[in-house]
């Protein structure tokens, strides 16, 4: 894949022409994808998964070049981890595509149907959104996830990954195109923007001359903020993951230790990683300290309030900024709270409506927590790292929707559909 970057001296006119051509090709492919049957889409995904495996060496070579460039530029270790591919992650990509292929076709579902007294038969039917622009950072696997989900839902994807993963993304897109070609579907149904020029993002946000129906950003505050502020087309936002685990007064000690350690340390760089641990004062000296010891042993820095530091002196003093920080590394903010209500208030004050978990054996307390916490995903006695479309049985996700319109939680193939009304009559006219 030929990579263009800002140092290539793209003129404004050249870049605009290039991006408008991508948009026009996507719009041309949209009708064919809208009309594609499930057999064709399934074949495209099955072949794409096989191509991911057969092209593993090529994908890994491209990824090594991306990693070398990122490290030379001084990229932080957690971000390098997000960028890195290996045999296991490539196999996970392929399996994710196969799971998406096996899902029921989300297009054409009859969502509701009713008849009117005048004999009109009205149905609400699921349809593709159309052309979706997906702008993301670092993670090259998003190329496969987003492409697969767009394909399954009958959409066309324009993918603009981070400049640090552009080689990896291009190699993955080539495998996805192989699947489209084998199924007789337009190869332009999944396109990767090949320039690292940031102006290309601006052109996508303008809609590429009406070609783009929806923009989905997947990345940090800077990216998401720019998209929300500049987009002239609808946006499905994925905001930061300020995820909490609350150890209730009736938490089980073994479950608490396992859940807290996993929620923070399984992978610290994912958006479902716990960033704040709330510990009920009733269990702070027992279960709470045991959990902190486990975290510290695993290499996690503890930033605690006064009550926490009184019992765990190794903790760094927490500031108010810590309660609203998404670390994405081995750091966790820890606060002692006086009961369920204070825990809920803290989450409502500082959380990002992403994913929050309660650890307790008290069913009533758990239900109260899950009813009151206004997050896209709430869990009881489970790690926040389950905030993942694959873990929800969706095969993959484009992101976790934290807003309240259209889609919340993992955005999979079903969430990438809209609907239309199909009205069948027999000569009715309106009086």
Foldseek 3Di string as FASTA:
>chain_A
DDFAEVVNVQDPVNLLVVLLVLLVLQQVQLVVLQPDDLVLLLQLLLQLLVLLVVCVVVLQVLLVVLLVVCVVVPHDPLLSVLQDDDPVNSNLLSQLSNLLSPDPQLFQDFPDWDADPVGKTKTKTWTFLEEEEEEEERRLSLLSQVLSLCSSLSYAYEYEYAPSNLSSNVSSLVSSLSSCVVSVGDSSSRHYDRYNYPVSVLCVLAPSVVSHAEYEYYYAPVRQVCSVVRHPHHYQYFYAQQEEEEEALAFDLVLLLVQLCCLAPVFLQDRLRHAEYEYEPNCCLPSVVVNVVSLVVVPAAEAEDPVNCVNVVSHHHDDPVSLQDSPSDRYHYYYYDHHLVRVLVSCVVRGLLAEYEYGHPDPVSQVVSVVRRNHLYYYYSHHSVCQFCVSVSQSGASHARGDDPQDGGGHGNSSSIDIDMDMDDDPDDDD
